[in-house]
Amino acid sequence: QVQLVESGGGLVQAGGSLRLSCAASGRTFSNYAMGWFRQAPGKEREIVAGIIWSRGTTFHTDSVKGRFAISRDNAKNTVYLQMNSLKPEDTAVYYCAAKKDPPVVSANYDYWGQGTQVTVSS
């Protein structure tokens, strides 16, 4: 059974940094697409970043380009989201998700983590 466990959220001041981790288990993820999504109160869930595990090909939505970076560690079966220059509008619950094949930008993810709260104060 696939499990995705996020960690690393918290409260940070504007301009600060956080690194989210998503520990994946339950199968081999070599062909999977992994995504980081977020949902702020009263807003729709949106994809923030994604990576094709085997290729390392990445996607970042425009609002986080240059500030966030997704990466993966094959040995640890973990996907990361490094978030720098955080803004109050980045405040949301962040979710890790896994999809059996590309593309990354899709609403049809197969597995989801429980989410981790990121709060950026002004």
C-alpha atoms as a PDB file:
ATOM      1  CA  GLN A   1       0.000   0.000   0.000  1.00  0.00           C
ATOM      2  CA  VAL A   2       1.343   3.378  -0.992  1.00  0.00           C
ATOM      3  CA  GLN A   3       1.964   5.816   1.828  1.00  0.00           C
ATOM      4  CA  LEU A   4       3.008   9.420   1.540  1.00  0.00           C
ATOM      5  CA  VAL A   5       4.017  11.195   4.719  1.00  0.00           C
ATOM      6  CA  GLU A   6       4.709  14.922   4.642  1.00  0.00           C
ATOM      7  CA  SER A   7       6.733  16.850   7.182  1.00  0.00           C
ATOM      8  CA  GLY A   8       8.468  20.175   7.527  1.00  0.00           C
ATOM      9  CA  GLY A   9       5.604  22.623   7.668  1.00  0.00           C
ATOM     10  CA  GLY A  10       5.360  25.363  10.245  1.00  0.00           C
ATOM     11  CA  LEU A  11       5.183  29.062  10.937  1.00  0.00           C
ATOM     12  CA  VAL A  12       7.738  31.339   9.318  1.00  0.00           C
ATOM     13  CA  GLN A  13       8.091  35.063   8.740  1.00  0.00           C
ATOM     14  CA  ALA A  14       7.840  36.526   5.276  1.00  0.00           C
ATOM     15  CA  GLY A  15      11.145  36.156   3.477  1.00  0.00           C
ATOM     16  CA  GLY A  16      11.996  33.001   5.360  1.00  0.00           C
ATOM     17  CA  SER A  17      12.478  29.436   4.171  1.00  0.00           C
ATOM     18  CA  LEU A  18      11.070  25.999   4.828  1.00  0.00           C
ATOM     19  CA  ARG A  19      11.787  22.592   3.367  1.00  0.00           C
ATOM     20  CA  LEU A  20       8.942  20.137   3.044  1.00  0.00           C
ATOM     21  CA  SER A  21       9.629  16.420   2.844  1.00  0.00           C
ATOM     22  CA  CYS A  22       7.447  13.644   1.477  1.00  0.00           C
ATOM     23  CA  ALA A  23       8.516  10.144   2.456  1.00  0.00           C
ATOM     24  CA  ALA A  24       7.074   7.634   0.005  1.00  0.00           C
ATOM     25  CA  SER A  25       6.697   3.914   0.648  1.00  0.00           C
ATOM     26  CA  GLY A  26       4.798   0.894  -0.534  1.00  0.00           C
ATOM     27  CA  ARG A  27       6.125   0.419  -4.055  1.00  0.00           C
ATOM     28  CA  THR A  28       8.777   1.428  -6.531  1.00  0.00           C
ATOM     29  CA  PHE A  29       8.177   4.964  -7.707  1.00  0.00           C
ATOM     30  CA  SER A  30      10.579   5.011 -10.622  1.00  0.00           C
ATOM     31  CA  ASN A  31       7.917   5.791 -13.238  1.00  0.00           C
ATOM     32  CA  TYR A  32       5.763   7.935 -11.030  1.00  0.00           C
ATOM     33  CA  ALA A  33       4.996  11.606 -11.191  1.00  0.00           C
ATOM     34  CA  MET A  34       5.198  13.259  -7.789  1.00  0.00           C
ATOM     35  CA  GLY A  35       3.494  16.529  -7.061  1.00  0.00           C
ATOM     36  CA  TRP A  36       3.250  19.141  -4.363  1.00  0.00           C
ATOM     37  CA  PHE A  37      -0.148  20.794  -4.126  1.00  0.00           C
ATOM     38  CA  ARG A  38      -1.482  23.449  -1.807  1.00  0.00           C
ATOM     39  CA  GLN A  39      -4.874  24.616  -0.694  1.00  0.00           C
ATOM     40  CA  ALA A  40      -5.500  27.892   1.071  1.00  0.00           C
ATOM     41  CA  PRO A  41      -8.742  28.606   2.960  1.00  0.00           C
ATOM     42  CA  GLY A  42     -11.545  29.372   0.563  1.00  0.00           C
ATOM     43  CA  LYS A  43      -9.439  28.567  -2.489  1.00  0.00           C
ATOM     44  CA  GLU A  44      -9.160  25.665  -4.865  1.00  0.00           C
ATOM     45  CA  ARG A  45      -6.308  23.228  -4.538  1.00  0.00           C
ATOM     46  CA  GLU A  46      -3.492  24.024  -6.960  1.00  0.00           C
ATOM     47  CA  ILE A  47      -0.376  22.266  -8.082  1.00  0.00           C
ATOM     48  CA  VAL A  48       2.785  23.996  -6.917  1.00  0.00           C
ATOM     49  CA  ALA A  49       5.513  21.764  -8.304  1.00  0.00           C
ATOM     50  CA  GLY A  50       6.041  18.304  -9.708  1.00  0.00           C
ATOM     51  CA  ILE A  51       8.770  15.898 -10.706  1.00  0.00           C
ATOM     52  CA  ILE A  52       9.015  12.781 -12.835  1.00  0.00           C
ATOM     53  CA  TRP A  53      10.869  10.473 -10.485  1.00  0.00           C
ATOM     54  CA  SER A  54      12.924   8.536 -13.033  1.00  0.00           C
ATOM     55  CA  ARG A  55      13.917  11.470 -15.233  1.00  0.00           C
ATOM     56  CA  GLY A  56      14.151  14.222 -12.666  1.00  0.00           C
ATOM     57  CA  THR A  57      12.130  16.470 -14.962  1.00  0.00           C
ATOM     58  CA  THR A  58      10.521  19.218 -12.925  1.00  0.00           C
ATOM     59  CA  PHE A  59       7.601  21.630 -13.131  1.00  0.00           C
ATOM     60  CA  HIS A  60       6.989  24.742 -11.020  1.00  0.00           C
ATOM     61  CA  THR A  61       3.928  26.903 -11.270  1.00  0.00           C
ATOM     62  CA  ASP A  62       4.598  30.518 -12.244  1.00  0.00           C
ATOM     63  CA  SER A  63       3.886  31.995  -8.818  1.00  0.00           C
ATOM     64  CA  VAL A  64       6.712  30.005  -7.194  1.00  0.00           C
ATOM     65  CA  LYS A  65       9.319  29.957  -9.951  1.00  0.00           C
ATOM     66  CA  GLY A  66      12.650  31.174  -8.675  1.00  0.00           C
ATOM     67  CA  ARG A  67      11.540  30.705  -5.047  1.00  0.00           C
ATOM     68  CA  PHE A  68      10.581  27.028  -4.710  1.00  0.00           C
ATOM     69  CA  ALA A  69      12.428  23.964  -5.927  1.00  0.00           C
ATOM     70  CA  ILE A  70      11.279  20.364  -6.029  1.00  0.00           C
ATOM     71  CA  SER A  71      13.793  17.538  -5.839  1.00  0.00           C
ATOM     72  CA  ARG A  72      13.982  13.867  -4.966  1.00  0.00           C
ATOM     73  CA  ASP A  73      16.377  11.552  -3.180  1.00  0.00           C
ATOM     74  CA  ASN A  74      16.252   8.086  -4.676  1.00  0.00           C
ATOM     75  CA  ALA A  75      18.068   6.434  -1.797  1.00  0.00           C
ATOM     76  CA  LYS A  76      15.607   7.830   0.744  1.00  0.00           C
ATOM     77  CA  ASN A  77      12.509   7.534  -1.450  1.00  0.00           C
ATOM     78  CA  THR A  78      11.762  11.108  -0.509  1.00  0.00           C
ATOM     79  CA  VAL A  79      10.616  14.149  -2.442  1.00  0.00           C
ATOM     80  CA  TYR A  80      11.421  17.622  -1.182  1.00  0.00           C
ATOM     81  CA  LEU A  81      10.026  21.089  -1.714  1.00  0.00           C
ATOM     82  CA  GLN A  82      12.516  23.789  -0.815  1.00  0.00           C
ATOM     83  CA  MET A  83      10.630  27.029  -0.283  1.00  0.00           C
ATOM     84  CA  ASN A  84      12.570  30.286  -0.126  1.00  0.00           C
ATOM     85  CA  SER A  85      11.499  33.935  -0.005  1.00  0.00           C
ATOM     86  CA  LEU A  86       8.151  32.894   1.407  1.00  0.00           C
ATOM     87  CA  LYS A  87       5.234  35.285   1.170  1.00  0.00           C
ATOM     88  CA  PRO A  88       2.013  35.485   3.191  1.00  0.00           C
ATOM     89  CA  GLU A  89       0.130  34.314   0.102  1.00  0.00           C
ATOM     90  CA  ASP A  90       2.040  31.029   0.281  1.00  0.00           C
ATOM     91  CA  THR A  91       0.089  30.184   3.432  1.00  0.00           C
ATOM     92  CA  ALA A  92      -1.797  26.942   2.830  1.00  0.00           C
ATOM     93  CA  VAL A  93      -1.944  23.260   3.591  1.00  0.00           C
ATOM     94  CA  TYR A  94       0.619  21.567   1.387  1.00  0.00           C
ATOM     95  CA  TYR A  95       0.005  18.059   0.106  1.00  0.00           C
ATOM     96  CA  CYS A  96       2.284  15.518  -1.486  1.00  0.00           C
ATOM     97  CA  ALA A  97       0.738  13.328  -4.175  1.00  0.00           C
ATOM     98  CA  ALA A  98       1.793  10.474  -6.435  1.00  0.00           C
ATOM     99  CA  LYS A  99       0.619   9.528  -9.892  1.00  0.00           C
ATOM    100  CA  LYS A 100       1.441   6.314 -11.734  1.00  0.00           C
ATOM    101  CA  ASP A 101       2.734   8.024 -14.842  1.00  0.00           C
ATOM    102  CA  PRO A 102       3.298  11.457 -16.429  1.00  0.00           C
ATOM    103  CA  PRO A 103       2.330  14.170 -16.899  1.00  0.00           C
ATOM    104  CA  VAL A 104       2.847  16.022 -13.658  1.00  0.00           C
ATOM    105  CA  VAL A 105       0.215  18.659 -14.349  1.00  0.00           C
ATOM    106  CA  SER A 106      -2.978  16.714 -13.858  1.00  0.00           C
ATOM    107  CA  ALA A 107      -5.945  16.491 -11.546  1.00  0.00           C
ATOM    108  CA  ASN A 108      -5.766  12.700 -11.537  1.00  0.00           C
ATOM    109  CA  TYR A 109      -3.307  11.822  -8.823  1.00  0.00           C
ATOM    110  CA  ASP A 110      -3.653   8.360  -7.327  1.00  0.00           C
ATOM    111  CA  TYR A 111      -2.268   8.802  -3.833  1.00  0.00           C
ATOM    112  CA  TRP A 112      -2.227  11.686  -1.378  1.00  0.00           C
ATOM    113  CA  GLY A 113      -0.516  12.512   1.876  1.00  0.00           C
ATOM    114  CA  GLN A 114      -2.266  13.957   4.889  1.00  0.00           C
ATOM    115  CA  GLY A 115      -0.984  17.482   4.363  1.00  0.00           C
ATOM    116  CA  THR A 116       1.219  19.833   6.320  1.00  0.00           C
ATOM    117  CA  GLN A 117       0.373  23.406   7.285  1.00  0.00           C
ATOM    118  CA  VAL A 118       2.590  26.246   6.127  1.00  0.00           C
ATOM    119  CA  THR A 119       1.869  29.656   7.613  1.00  0.00           C
ATOM    120  CA  VAL A 120       3.787  32.745   6.536  1.00  0.00           C
ATOM    121  CA  SER A 121       3.380  35.809   8.715  1.00  0.00           C
ATOM    122  CA  SER A 122       3.823  39.326   7.389  1.00  0.00           C
END
